[in-house]
Amino acid sequence: MAAAHQGSYAGDVSPQLAWQWVQAGEAVLVDVRSDAEREWVGFVPGAVPVAWKQWPGMTMNPTFDQQLGSVGQDKKLVLLCRSGVRSIAAAKRATELGFEAYNILEGFEGDPDAHAHRGLKGGWRHHGLPWRQN
């Protein structure tokens, strides 16, 4: 799928296509949300947790590059965040590190609706893809 951001990372993909690639063994799903988000909002079983930013203060994860490097470079990376914003920045960095990295559109929770609620308009959960909550 072509992306408007082509040249800075491999592109944007739908949650469904990302999941197809993961199931086919072509890609690794990397969840770049914070540990707190995965704990309280939910997580995708089997996704590799590599936070882009961490609490407190949502500061950059100083070990992001090292953690991503342990994933291995033999497969595409599909990066997931809450709404698809942090995963773009993380995909750009992953590309700089030599990965074929894609942003998952709509993220885990999708866009907010008219009442600022997430999870009702797009996103990994909304599309019925695998996830769990602790």
Protein backbone atom coordinates (compact mmCIF):
# COMPACT_ATOMS: atom_id res chain seq x y z
CA MET A 1 0.00 0.00 0.00
CA ALA A 2 1.56 3.31 -1.03
CA ALA A 3 1.84 6.04 1.54
CA ALA A 4 2.02 9.81 1.48
CA HIS A 5 5.09 9.44 3.69
CA GLN A 6 6.99 7.23 1.26
CA GLY A 7 10.72 7.76 1.58
CA SER A 8 10.65 8.24 5.34
CA TYR A 9 9.26 4.77 6.15
CA ALA A 10 7.80 1.88 4.16
CA GLY A 11 4.18 3.06 4.32
CA ASP A 12 0.82 2.93 6.06
CA VAL A 13 -1.20 -0.28 6.24
CA SER A 14 -4.66 -1.12 7.51
CA PRO A 15 -4.96 -3.09 10.75
CA GLN A 16 -6.37 -5.99 8.73
CA LEU A 17 -3.42 -6.11 6.30
CA ALA A 18 -0.93 -5.84 9.17
CA TRP A 19 -2.62 -8.80 10.89
CA GLN A 20 -2.58 -10.81 7.63
CA TRP A 21 1.17 -10.22 7.32
CA VAL A 22 1.74 -11.25 10.95
CA GLN A 23 -0.33 -14.43 10.53
CA ALA A 24 1.54 -15.30 7.32
CA GLY A 25 4.89 -14.91 9.12
CA GLU A 26 5.89 -11.97 6.91
CA ALA A 27 5.90 -9.33 9.65
CA VAL A 28 6.42 -8.78 13.35
CA LEU A 29 3.84 -6.69 15.21
CA VAL A 30 5.55 -4.13 17.45
CA ASP A 31 3.38 -2.30 19.98
CA VAL A 32 5.01 1.09 20.59
CA ARG A 33 2.51 2.23 23.24
CA SER A 34 3.62 2.73 26.82
CA ASP A 35 3.60 -0.10 29.34
CA ALA A 36 0.70 1.64 31.13
CA GLU A 37 -1.40 1.74 27.95
CA ARG A 38 -0.87 -1.94 27.28
CA GLU A 39 -1.70 -2.75 30.91
CA TRP A 40 -4.84 -0.64 31.23
CA VAL A 41 -6.28 -0.31 27.71
CA GLY A 42 -5.40 -3.74 26.33
CA PHE A 43 -2.75 -5.48 24.28
CA VAL A 44 -2.33 -7.74 21.28
CA PRO A 45 -1.15 -11.22 22.31
CA GLY A 46 2.20 -11.98 20.71
CA ALA A 47 3.00 -8.36 19.87
CA VAL A 48 6.53 -7.27 20.79
CA PRO A 49 6.31 -4.42 23.33
CA VAL A 50 8.82 -1.67 22.50
CA ALA A 51 7.56 1.63 23.87
CA TRP A 52 8.33 4.75 21.85
CA LYS A 53 7.67 6.96 24.88
CA GLN A 54 7.20 6.04 28.53
CA TRP A 55 5.54 7.37 31.64
CA PRO A 56 6.10 9.43 33.64
CA GLY A 57 6.03 12.43 31.38
CA MET A 58 5.88 10.49 28.09
CA THR A 59 9.63 10.86 27.62
CA MET A 60 11.49 9.07 24.85
CA ASN A 61 12.39 5.48 25.60
CA PRO A 62 16.22 5.60 25.75
CA THR A 63 16.47 1.89 24.87
CA PHE A 64 14.09 1.98 21.87
CA ASP A 65 16.86 1.35 19.31
CA GLN A 66 18.38 -1.48 21.35
CA GLN A 67 15.00 -3.14 22.00
CA LEU A 68 14.00 -2.88 18.35
CA GLY A 69 17.35 -4.34 17.33
CA SER A 70 16.57 -7.48 19.32
CA VAL A 71 13.50 -8.11 17.16
CA GLY A 72 15.67 -9.05 14.17
CA GLN A 73 15.67 -7.62 10.67
CA ASP A 74 14.50 -10.61 8.66
CA LYS A 75 10.82 -9.56 8.57
CA LYS A 76 8.78 -6.41 8.03
CA LEU A 77 7.79 -4.50 11.13
CA VAL A 78 4.23 -3.29 11.57
CA LEU A 79 4.06 -0.70 14.34
CA LEU A 80 0.98 -0.09 16.46
CA CYS A 81 0.23 2.80 18.82
CA ARG A 82 -3.01 4.28 20.19
CA SER A 83 -4.08 6.26 17.12
CA GLY A 84 -1.36 5.95 14.49
CA VAL A 85 0.72 9.03 15.39
CA ARG A 86 3.55 7.70 17.58
CA SER A 87 3.83 4.66 15.32
CA ILE A 88 4.68 6.97 12.38
CA ALA A 89 7.58 8.48 14.35
CA ALA A 90 8.67 5.00 15.48
CA ALA A 91 8.44 3.66 11.90
CA LYS A 92 10.64 6.53 10.68
CA ARG A 93 13.24 5.69 13.34
CA ALA A 94 13.02 1.95 12.57
CA THR A 95 13.66 2.75 8.90
CA GLU A 96 16.75 4.75 9.88
CA LEU A 97 17.90 1.63 11.75
CA GLY A 98 17.54 -0.47 8.59
CA PHE A 99 14.10 -2.05 9.09
CA GLU A 100 11.26 -2.23 6.57
CA ALA A 101 8.78 -0.55 8.90
CA TYR A 102 5.07 0.22 8.41
CA ASN A 103 2.63 2.33 10.39
CA ILE A 104 -0.70 0.69 11.23
CA LEU A 105 -3.44 3.16 10.37
CA GLU A 106 -6.00 4.04 13.07
CA GLY A 107 -3.83 2.49 15.80
CA PHE A 108 -5.18 0.32 18.59
CA GLU A 109 -8.09 2.55 19.61
CA GLY A 110 -8.98 4.46 16.43
CA ASP A 111 -10.04 8.07 16.08
CA PRO A 112 -12.18 9.80 18.72
CA ASP A 113 -15.90 10.12 18.00
CA ALA A 114 -17.97 13.29 18.48
CA HIS A 115 -17.87 12.71 22.25
CA ALA A 116 -14.07 12.17 22.32
CA HIS A 117 -14.49 8.43 22.96
CA ARG A 118 -12.07 6.07 21.27
CA GLY A 119 -12.65 2.49 20.17
CA LEU A 120 -15.84 3.23 18.25
CA LYS A 121 -14.37 4.62 15.00
CA GLY A 122 -11.72 2.39 13.51
CA GLY A 123 -8.66 0.92 15.12
CA TRP A 124 -7.39 -2.57 15.88
CA ARG A 125 -10.08 -3.36 18.47
CA HIS A 126 -12.94 -1.93 16.41
CA HIS A 127 -12.05 -4.18 13.49
CA GLY A 128 -12.34 -7.25 15.72
CA LEU A 129 -8.67 -8.22 15.56
CA PRO A 130 -7.16 -10.20 18.45
CA TRP A 131 -6.57 -8.34 21.70
CA ARG A 132 -6.88 -8.89 25.44
CA GLN A 133 -7.18 -6.82 28.54
CA ASN A 134 -5.62 -7.69 31.90
